[in-house]
Amino acid sequence: MDFKMKEEVGFYTELPFGRLDIAGDEEYGFRPFQLLVASLAVCSGGVLRKIMKKMRMDFEDIQIKTSVERNEEIADRVEKVHIHFLIKGNDLNEAKLHKALELTRKNCSMVRSVEDSIEVVETFEIV
């Protein structure tokens, strides 16, 4: 990826899907920590979705809620990301979902990339 500086503030890149604007100010683009959290959440969600399909789990929807803990004393470092899946489906088995979440953690490249520096907690609820 190549990034170009914007006149106002921040940087941007052109990708096949479109332009991605990134800045420290939300008025000019996505903030870097938002992209980090989005990468963790959506990577996990995508892997979970594939695993649930392979396990033949009957689900209709997966929504993801996240919360972030940052350390203001160390450059606002991201310390912890909590990823909470809201799963809607028919006859979902909690034990099977726990297994699916374990496999998700092992197979999500983004979570694996930060596992020694950011605590990632993944939970779910059946809705």
C-alpha atoms as a PDB file:
ATOM      1  CA  MET A   1       0.000   0.000   0.000  1.00  0.00           C
ATOM      2  CA  ASP A   2       1.168   3.490  -0.794  1.00  0.00           C
ATOM      3  CA  PHE A   3       0.037   6.502   1.232  1.00  0.00           C
ATOM      4  CA  LYS A   4      -0.016  10.121   0.144  1.00  0.00           C
ATOM      5  CA  MET A   5      -0.125  13.145   2.417  1.00  0.00           C
ATOM      6  CA  LYS A   6      -3.308  15.230   2.371  1.00  0.00           C
ATOM      7  CA  GLU A   7      -3.203  19.017   2.398  1.00  0.00           C
ATOM      8  CA  GLU A   8      -5.463  19.386   5.449  1.00  0.00           C
ATOM      9  CA  VAL A   9      -4.188  16.658   7.740  1.00  0.00           C
ATOM     10  CA  GLY A  10      -3.491  12.944   7.506  1.00  0.00           C
ATOM     11  CA  PHE A  11      -2.858  10.591   4.625  1.00  0.00           C
ATOM     12  CA  TYR A  12      -4.839   8.604   2.078  1.00  0.00           C
ATOM     13  CA  THR A  13      -4.468   5.593  -0.166  1.00  0.00           C
ATOM     14  CA  GLU A  14      -6.357   4.469  -3.239  1.00  0.00           C
ATOM     15  CA  LEU A  15      -7.506   0.857  -3.150  1.00  0.00           C
ATOM     16  CA  PRO A  16      -9.586  -1.198  -5.597  1.00  0.00           C
ATOM     17  CA  PHE A  17     -12.676  -0.663  -3.411  1.00  0.00           C
ATOM     18  CA  GLY A  18     -12.096   3.072  -3.017  1.00  0.00           C
ATOM     19  CA  ARG A  19     -10.147   5.741  -1.217  1.00  0.00           C
ATOM     20  CA  LEU A  20      -9.167   5.302   2.422  1.00  0.00           C
ATOM     21  CA  ASP A  21      -8.558   8.525   4.360  1.00  0.00           C
ATOM     22  CA  ILE A  22      -6.654   8.257   7.640  1.00  0.00           C
ATOM     23  CA  ALA A  23      -6.010  11.056  10.115  1.00  0.00           C
ATOM     24  CA  GLY A  24      -5.638  11.731  13.800  1.00  0.00           C
ATOM     25  CA  ASP A  25      -8.793  13.863  13.578  1.00  0.00           C
ATOM     26  CA  GLU A  26     -12.084  12.096  12.725  1.00  0.00           C
ATOM     27  CA  GLU A  27     -13.126  15.117  10.695  1.00  0.00           C
ATOM     28  CA  TYR A  28     -10.549  14.163   8.043  1.00  0.00           C
ATOM     29  CA  GLY A  29     -10.622  10.373   8.057  1.00  0.00           C
ATOM     30  CA  PHE A  30     -10.539   7.210  10.088  1.00  0.00           C
ATOM     31  CA  ARG A  31      -8.307   7.356  13.127  1.00  0.00           C
ATOM     32  CA  PRO A  32      -5.508   4.762  13.152  1.00  0.00           C
ATOM     33  CA  PHE A  33      -6.786   3.066  16.322  1.00  0.00           C
ATOM     34  CA  GLN A  34     -10.251   2.712  14.733  1.00  0.00           C
ATOM     35  CA  LEU A  35      -8.715   0.850  11.797  1.00  0.00           C
ATOM     36  CA  LEU A  36      -6.769  -1.385  14.184  1.00  0.00           C
ATOM     37  CA  VAL A  37      -9.905  -2.275  16.149  1.00  0.00           C
ATOM     38  CA  ALA A  38     -11.930  -2.732  12.948  1.00  0.00           C
ATOM     39  CA  SER A  39      -9.254  -5.073  11.577  1.00  0.00           C
ATOM     40  CA  LEU A  40      -9.330  -7.214  14.713  1.00  0.00           C
ATOM     41  CA  ALA A  41     -13.131  -7.310  14.924  1.00  0.00           C
ATOM     42  CA  VAL A  42     -13.901  -7.958  11.274  1.00  0.00           C
ATOM     43  CA  CYS A  43     -11.114 -10.509  10.835  1.00  0.00           C
ATOM     44  CA  SER A  44     -12.474 -12.414  13.851  1.00  0.00           C
ATOM     45  CA  GLY A  45     -16.041 -12.053  12.590  1.00  0.00           C
ATOM     46  CA  GLY A  46     -15.160 -13.342   9.141  1.00  0.00           C
ATOM     47  CA  VAL A  47     -13.272 -16.334  10.515  1.00  0.00           C
ATOM     48  CA  LEU A  48     -16.081 -17.085  12.994  1.00  0.00           C
ATOM     49  CA  ARG A  49     -18.611 -16.967  10.160  1.00  0.00           C
ATOM     50  CA  LYS A  50     -16.606 -19.478   8.080  1.00  0.00           C
ATOM     51  CA  ILE A  51     -16.116 -21.804  11.039  1.00  0.00           C
ATOM     52  CA  MET A  52     -19.795 -21.699  11.964  1.00  0.00           C
ATOM     53  CA  LYS A  53     -20.696 -22.584   8.363  1.00  0.00           C
ATOM     54  CA  LYS A  54     -18.240 -25.498   8.385  1.00  0.00           C
ATOM     55  CA  MET A  55     -19.711 -26.676  11.693  1.00  0.00           C
ATOM     56  CA  ARG A  56     -23.157 -26.495  10.041  1.00  0.00           C
ATOM     57  CA  MET A  57     -24.492 -24.084  12.624  1.00  0.00           C
ATOM     58  CA  ASP A  58     -27.779 -22.480  11.621  1.00  0.00           C
ATOM     59  CA  PHE A  59     -27.215 -18.736  12.053  1.00  0.00           C
ATOM     60  CA  GLU A  60     -28.870 -15.731  10.448  1.00  0.00           C
ATOM     61  CA  ASP A  61     -26.759 -12.829  11.608  1.00  0.00           C
ATOM     62  CA  ILE A  62     -23.601 -11.866  13.462  1.00  0.00           C
ATOM     63  CA  GLN A  63     -23.138  -8.376  14.842  1.00  0.00           C
ATOM     64  CA  ILE A  64     -19.956  -7.213  16.526  1.00  0.00           C
ATOM     65  CA  LYS A  65     -19.570  -4.727  19.365  1.00  0.00           C
ATOM     66  CA  THR A  66     -16.148  -3.595  20.495  1.00  0.00           C
ATOM     67  CA  SER A  67     -14.678  -1.692  23.395  1.00  0.00           C
ATOM     68  CA  VAL A  68     -11.125  -0.461  23.723  1.00  0.00           C
ATOM     69  CA  GLU A  69      -8.850   0.288  26.654  1.00  0.00           C
ATOM     70  CA  ARG A  70      -6.038   2.724  25.948  1.00  0.00           C
ATOM     71  CA  ASN A  71      -3.123   3.855  28.098  1.00  0.00           C
ATOM     72  CA  GLU A  72      -2.918   7.658  28.064  1.00  0.00           C
ATOM     73  CA  GLU A  73       0.445   7.574  29.834  1.00  0.00           C
ATOM     74  CA  ILE A  74       2.076   5.584  27.025  1.00  0.00           C
ATOM     75  CA  ALA A  75       1.118   7.479  23.843  1.00  0.00           C
ATOM     76  CA  ASP A  76      -2.534   6.395  24.159  1.00  0.00           C
ATOM     77  CA  ARG A  77      -1.399   2.842  23.442  1.00  0.00           C
ATOM     78  CA  VAL A  78      -4.139   0.280  22.774  1.00  0.00           C
ATOM     79  CA  GLU A  79      -3.884  -2.149  25.698  1.00  0.00           C
ATOM     80  CA  LYS A  80      -7.041  -4.241  25.347  1.00  0.00           C
ATOM     81  CA  VAL A  81      -9.777  -4.839  22.790  1.00  0.00           C
ATOM     82  CA  HIS A  82     -12.974  -6.622  23.758  1.00  0.00           C
ATOM     83  CA  ILE A  83     -14.820  -8.124  20.787  1.00  0.00           C
ATOM     84  CA  HIS A  84     -18.377  -9.207  21.578  1.00  0.00           C
ATOM     85  CA  PHE A  85     -20.368 -11.189  19.017  1.00  0.00           C
ATOM     86  CA  LEU A  86     -24.167 -11.034  18.989  1.00  0.00           C
ATOM     87  CA  ILE A  87     -25.222 -14.193  17.161  1.00  0.00           C
ATOM     88  CA  LYS A  88     -28.734 -14.798  15.927  1.00  0.00           C
ATOM     89  CA  GLY A  89     -29.746 -18.256  14.801  1.00  0.00           C
ATOM     90  CA  ASN A  90     -31.779 -21.376  15.353  1.00  0.00           C
ATOM     91  CA  ASP A  91     -30.937 -23.983  18.002  1.00  0.00           C
ATOM     92  CA  LEU A  92     -27.432 -22.626  18.555  1.00  0.00           C
ATOM     93  CA  ASN A  93     -25.369 -24.758  20.916  1.00  0.00           C
ATOM     94  CA  GLU A  94     -23.264 -22.757  23.415  1.00  0.00           C
ATOM     95  CA  ALA A  95     -20.591 -25.447  23.747  1.00  0.00           C
ATOM     96  CA  LYS A  96     -20.230 -25.572  19.968  1.00  0.00           C
ATOM     97  CA  LEU A  97     -20.005 -21.777  19.843  1.00  0.00           C
ATOM     98  CA  HIS A  98     -17.228 -21.795  22.468  1.00  0.00           C
ATOM     99  CA  LYS A  99     -15.314 -24.267  20.290  1.00  0.00           C
ATOM    100  CA  ALA A 100     -15.932 -22.092  17.221  1.00  0.00           C
ATOM    101  CA  LEU A 101     -14.583 -19.066  19.099  1.00  0.00           C
ATOM    102  CA  GLU A 102     -11.436 -20.988  20.116  1.00  0.00           C
ATOM    103  CA  LEU A 103     -10.840 -21.915  16.483  1.00  0.00           C
ATOM    104  CA  THR A 104     -11.514 -18.325  15.445  1.00  0.00           C
ATOM    105  CA  ARG A 105      -8.817 -17.049  17.782  1.00  0.00           C
ATOM    106  CA  LYS A 106      -6.305 -19.552  16.396  1.00  0.00           C
ATOM    107  CA  ASN A 107      -7.079 -18.666  12.780  1.00  0.00           C
ATOM    108  CA  CYS A 108      -7.583 -14.885  12.721  1.00  0.00           C
ATOM    109  CA  SER A 109      -4.394 -13.384  11.315  1.00  0.00           C
ATOM    110  CA  MET A 110      -5.035  -9.950  12.829  1.00  0.00           C
ATOM    111  CA  VAL A 111      -5.552 -11.281  16.363  1.00  0.00           C
ATOM    112  CA  ARG A 112      -2.491 -13.503  16.001  1.00  0.00           C
ATOM    113  CA  SER A 113      -0.460 -10.496  14.841  1.00  0.00           C
ATOM    114  CA  VAL A 114      -1.073  -8.559  18.075  1.00  0.00           C
ATOM    115  CA  GLU A 115      -1.351 -11.423  20.572  1.00  0.00           C
ATOM    116  CA  ASP A 116       1.881 -10.560  22.390  1.00  0.00           C
ATOM    117  CA  SER A 117       1.179  -6.838  22.661  1.00  0.00           C
ATOM    118  CA  ILE A 118      -2.590  -6.239  22.884  1.00  0.00           C
ATOM    119  CA  GLU A 119      -4.982  -8.260  25.015  1.00  0.00           C
ATOM    120  CA  VAL A 120      -7.887  -9.400  22.845  1.00  0.00           C
ATOM    121  CA  VAL A 121     -10.947 -10.777  24.615  1.00  0.00           C
ATOM    122  CA  GLU A 122     -13.675 -12.414  22.545  1.00  0.00           C
ATOM    123  CA  THR A 123     -17.117 -13.189  23.935  1.00  0.00           C
ATOM    124  CA  PHE A 124     -20.514 -13.981  22.466  1.00  0.00           C
ATOM    125  CA  GLU A 125     -24.171 -14.042  23.251  1.00  0.00           C
ATOM    126  CA  ILE A 126     -27.041 -15.701  21.459  1.00  0.00           C
ATOM    127  CA  VAL A 127     -29.771 -13.204  20.605  1.00  0.00           C
END
